[in-house]
C-alpha atoms as a PDB file:
ATOM      1  CA  UNK A   1      36.299 -20.690  54.701  1.00  0.00           C
ATOM      2  CA  UNK A   2      37.883 -23.608  56.546  1.00  0.00           C
ATOM      3  CA  UNK A   3      40.312 -24.307  59.323  1.00  0.00           C
ATOM      4  CA  UNK A   4      42.318 -26.670  57.174  1.00  0.00           C
ATOM      5  CA  UNK A   5      46.059 -26.065  56.993  1.00  0.00           C
ATOM      6  CA  UNK A   6      47.277 -24.038  54.049  1.00  0.00           C
ATOM      7  CA  UNK A   7      49.260 -27.006  52.709  1.00  0.00           C
ATOM      8  CA  UNK A   8      46.059 -29.098  52.505  1.00  0.00           C
ATOM      9  CA  UNK A   9      44.262 -26.367  50.565  1.00  0.00           C
ATOM     10  CA  UNK A  10      47.300 -25.996  48.298  1.00  0.00           C
ATOM     11  CA  UNK A  11      47.377 -29.754  47.674  1.00  0.00           C
ATOM     12  CA  UNK A  12      43.677 -29.717  46.793  1.00  0.00           C
ATOM     13  CA  UNK A  13      44.285 -26.893  44.329  1.00  0.00           C
ATOM     14  CA  UNK A  14      47.318 -28.643  42.812  1.00  0.00           C
ATOM     15  CA  UNK A  15      45.289 -31.785  42.220  1.00  0.00           C
ATOM     16  CA  UNK A  16      42.401 -29.698  40.863  1.00  0.00           C
ATOM     17  CA  UNK A  17      44.779 -28.073  38.344  1.00  0.00           C
ATOM     18  CA  UNK A  18      46.041 -31.527  37.377  1.00  0.00           C
ATOM     19  CA  UNK A  19      42.503 -32.781  36.774  1.00  0.00           C
ATOM     20  CA  UNK A  20      41.428 -29.689  34.847  1.00  0.00           C
ATOM     21  CA  UNK A  21      44.520 -29.962  32.660  1.00  0.00           C
ATOM     22  CA  UNK A  22      43.816 -33.613  31.900  1.00  0.00           C
ATOM     23  CA  UNK A  23      40.166 -32.811  31.269  1.00  0.00           C
ATOM     24  CA  UNK A  24      41.083 -30.241  28.625  1.00  0.00           C
ATOM     25  CA  UNK A  25      44.036 -32.001  26.966  1.00  0.00           C
ATOM     26  CA  UNK A  26      43.469 -35.755  27.229  1.00  0.00           C
ATOM     27  CA  UNK A  27      40.163 -36.839  28.704  1.00  0.00           C
ATOM     28  CA  UNK A  28      37.986 -39.046  26.541  1.00  0.00           C
ATOM     29  CA  UNK A  29      34.917 -37.118  27.725  1.00  0.00           C
ATOM     30  CA  UNK A  30      36.158 -33.920  26.109  1.00  0.00           C
ATOM     31  CA  UNK A  31      37.272 -35.335  22.738  1.00  0.00           C
ATOM     32  CA  UNK A  32      34.233 -33.903  20.911  1.00  0.00           C
ATOM     33  CA  UNK A  33      34.771 -30.426  22.376  1.00  0.00           C
ATOM     34  CA  UNK A  34      38.537 -30.537  21.859  1.00  0.00           C
ATOM     35  CA  UNK A  35      37.988 -31.656  18.285  1.00  0.00           C
ATOM     36  CA  UNK A  36      35.551 -28.787  17.626  1.00  0.00           C
ATOM     37  CA  UNK A  37      38.067 -26.295  18.982  1.00  0.00           C
ATOM     38  CA  UNK A  38      40.893 -27.753  16.883  1.00  0.00           C
ATOM     39  CA  UNK A  39      38.842 -27.841  13.674  1.00  0.00           C
ATOM     40  CA  UNK A  40      37.537 -24.319  14.106  1.00  0.00           C
ATOM     41  CA  UNK A  41      41.047 -23.046  14.898  1.00  0.00           C
ATOM     42  CA  UNK A  42      42.384 -24.489  11.650  1.00  0.00           C
ATOM     43  CA  UNK A  43      39.439 -23.135   9.680  1.00  0.00           C
ATOM     44  CA  UNK A  44      39.877 -19.650  11.155  1.00  0.00           C
ATOM     45  CA  UNK A  45      43.553 -19.712  10.182  1.00  0.00           C
ATOM     46  CA  UNK A  46      42.638 -20.647   6.620  1.00  0.00           C
ATOM     47  CA  UNK A  47      44.433 -23.956   6.948  1.00  0.00           C
ATOM     48  CA  UNK A  48      43.396 -27.249   5.514  1.00  0.00           C
ATOM     49  CA  UNK A  49      40.423 -29.001   6.996  1.00  0.00           C
ATOM     50  CA  UNK A  50      41.653 -31.466   9.563  1.00  0.00           C
ATOM     51  CA  UNK A  51      40.887 -35.090   8.908  1.00  0.00           C
ATOM     52  CA  UNK A  52      38.784 -37.583  10.776  1.00  0.00           C
ATOM     53  CA  UNK A  53      41.267 -38.345  13.559  1.00  0.00           C
ATOM     54  CA  UNK A  54      40.164 -36.057  16.380  1.00  0.00           C
ATOM     55  CA  UNK A  55      42.986 -36.762  18.784  1.00  0.00           C
ATOM     56  CA  UNK A  56      45.894 -37.347  16.440  1.00  0.00           C
ATOM     57  CA  UNK A  57      46.082 -34.112  14.498  1.00  0.00           C
ATOM     58  CA  UNK A  58      47.626 -31.777  17.044  1.00  0.00           C
ATOM     59  CA  UNK A  59      50.234 -33.634  19.032  1.00  0.00           C
ATOM     60  CA  UNK A  60      53.424 -32.965  20.958  1.00  0.00           C
ATOM     61  CA  UNK A  61      55.535 -32.824  17.793  1.00  0.00           C
ATOM     62  CA  UNK A  62      53.382 -29.989  16.483  1.00  0.00           C
ATOM     63  CA  UNK A  63      53.798 -28.078  19.713  1.00  0.00           C
ATOM     64  CA  UNK A  64      57.572 -28.130  19.182  1.00  0.00           C
ATOM     65  CA  UNK A  65      57.097 -26.748  15.645  1.00  0.00           C
ATOM     66  CA  UNK A  66      54.006 -24.577  16.017  1.00  0.00           C
ATOM     67  CA  UNK A  67      54.526 -22.365  12.946  1.00  0.00           C
ATOM     68  CA  UNK A  68      51.489 -23.742  11.098  1.00  0.00           C
ATOM     69  CA  UNK A  69      49.508 -24.838  14.126  1.00  0.00           C
ATOM     70  CA  UNK A  70      46.891 -22.411  15.477  1.00  0.00           C
ATOM     71  CA  UNK A  71      47.625 -21.478  19.069  1.00  0.00           C
ATOM     72  CA  UNK A  72      44.078 -22.403  20.127  1.00  0.00           C
ATOM     73  CA  UNK A  73      44.704 -25.926  18.862  1.00  0.00           C
ATOM     74  CA  UNK A  74      47.994 -26.061  20.733  1.00  0.00           C
ATOM     75  CA  UNK A  75      46.304 -24.844  23.906  1.00  0.00           C
ATOM     76  CA  UNK A  76      43.854 -27.753  24.039  1.00  0.00           C
ATOM     77  CA  UNK A  77      46.596 -30.338  23.414  1.00  0.00           C
ATOM     78  CA  UNK A  78      49.615 -28.943  25.314  1.00  0.00           C
ATOM     79  CA  UNK A  79      49.596 -29.874  28.990  1.00  0.00           C
ATOM     80  CA  UNK A  80      52.129 -27.155  29.850  1.00  0.00           C
ATOM     81  CA  UNK A  81      50.035 -24.458  28.174  1.00  0.00           C
ATOM     82  CA  UNK A  82      46.733 -25.613  29.601  1.00  0.00           C
ATOM     83  CA  UNK A  83      48.072 -26.104  33.118  1.00  0.00           C
ATOM     84  CA  UNK A  84      49.229 -22.490  33.217  1.00  0.00           C
ATOM     85  CA  UNK A  85      45.745 -21.202  32.404  1.00  0.00           C
ATOM     86  CA  UNK A  86      44.091 -23.762  34.688  1.00  0.00           C
ATOM     87  CA  UNK A  87      46.358 -22.710  37.562  1.00  0.00           C
ATOM     88  CA  UNK A  88      45.516 -19.041  36.982  1.00  0.00           C
ATOM     89  CA  UNK A  89      41.805 -19.896  37.050  1.00  0.00           C
ATOM     90  CA  UNK A  90      42.153 -21.973  40.201  1.00  0.00           C
ATOM     91  CA  UNK A  91      44.030 -19.203  42.015  1.00  0.00           C
ATOM     92  CA  UNK A  92      41.435 -16.655  40.919  1.00  0.00           C
ATOM     93  CA  UNK A  93      38.519 -18.838  42.049  1.00  0.00           C
ATOM     94  CA  UNK A  94      40.232 -19.735  45.315  1.00  0.00           C
ATOM     95  CA  UNK A  95      40.794 -16.055  46.093  1.00  0.00           C
ATOM     96  CA  UNK A  96      37.442 -14.659  44.948  1.00  0.00           C
ATOM     97  CA  UNK A  97      34.922 -17.343  45.926  1.00  0.00           C
ATOM     98  CA  UNK A  98      36.662 -19.716  48.352  1.00  0.00           C
ATOM     99  CA  UNK A  99      33.460 -21.132  49.869  1.00  0.00           C
ATOM    100  CA  UNK A 100      32.049 -22.059  46.467  1.00  0.00           C
ATOM    101  CA  UNK A 101      35.395 -23.177  45.066  1.00  0.00           C
ATOM    102  CA  UNK A 102      36.405 -25.636  47.802  1.00  0.00           C
ATOM    103  CA  UNK A 103      33.735 -28.306  47.100  1.00  0.00           C
ATOM    104  CA  UNK A 104      34.435 -28.113  43.351  1.00  0.00           C
ATOM    105  CA  UNK A 105      38.176 -28.287  43.961  1.00  0.00           C
ATOM    106  CA  UNK A 106      37.703 -31.240  46.310  1.00  0.00           C
ATOM    107  CA  UNK A 107      35.793 -33.200  43.653  1.00  0.00           C
ATOM    108  CA  UNK A 108      38.457 -32.437  41.050  1.00  0.00           C
ATOM    109  CA  UNK A 109      41.235 -33.304  43.510  1.00  0.00           C
ATOM    110  CA  UNK A 110      39.664 -36.611  44.495  1.00  0.00           C
ATOM    111  CA  UNK A 111      39.178 -37.501  40.837  1.00  0.00           C
ATOM    112  CA  UNK A 112      42.802 -36.652  40.142  1.00  0.00           C
ATOM    113  CA  UNK A 113      44.039 -38.649  43.130  1.00  0.00           C
ATOM    114  CA  UNK A 114      41.964 -41.669  42.098  1.00  0.00           C
ATOM    115  CA  UNK A 115      43.394 -41.512  38.579  1.00  0.00           C
ATOM    116  CA  UNK A 116      46.965 -41.238  39.842  1.00  0.00           C
ATOM    117  CA  UNK A 117      46.448 -44.128  42.273  1.00  0.00           C
ATOM    118  CA  UNK A 118      44.892 -46.288  39.563  1.00  0.00           C
ATOM    119  CA  UNK A 119      47.922 -45.675  37.347  1.00  0.00           C
ATOM    120  CA  UNK A 120      50.271 -46.590  40.181  1.00  0.00           C
ATOM    121  CA  UNK A 121      48.262 -49.754  40.746  1.00  0.00           C
ATOM    122  CA  UNK A 122      48.759 -50.906  37.157  1.00  0.00           C
END
């Protein structure tokens, strides 16, 4: 795979999990997909049709009181939930296809690092 130290590979994977989590829960690029998942989750549960606000319907307050919130909708809005599944996927990919995973992880990690640095800059 690579001669990089284990801590470097672990850091790459940590940043990849961070980026994947943000991509699923908060990224502007995934609003249409997240919105489709949320709407279909509510429809499957027989709940009311969600309104026109794609990012405001399932929020942190609903995660604390999830009785009427479909778990699929919670999953795409809850960073804690999503990060758990993203981490499991990253570990699985790292273990099963390390040569293919490393370039993908590096791109995700660099994107995550750039985002974190930009926030620190502001």
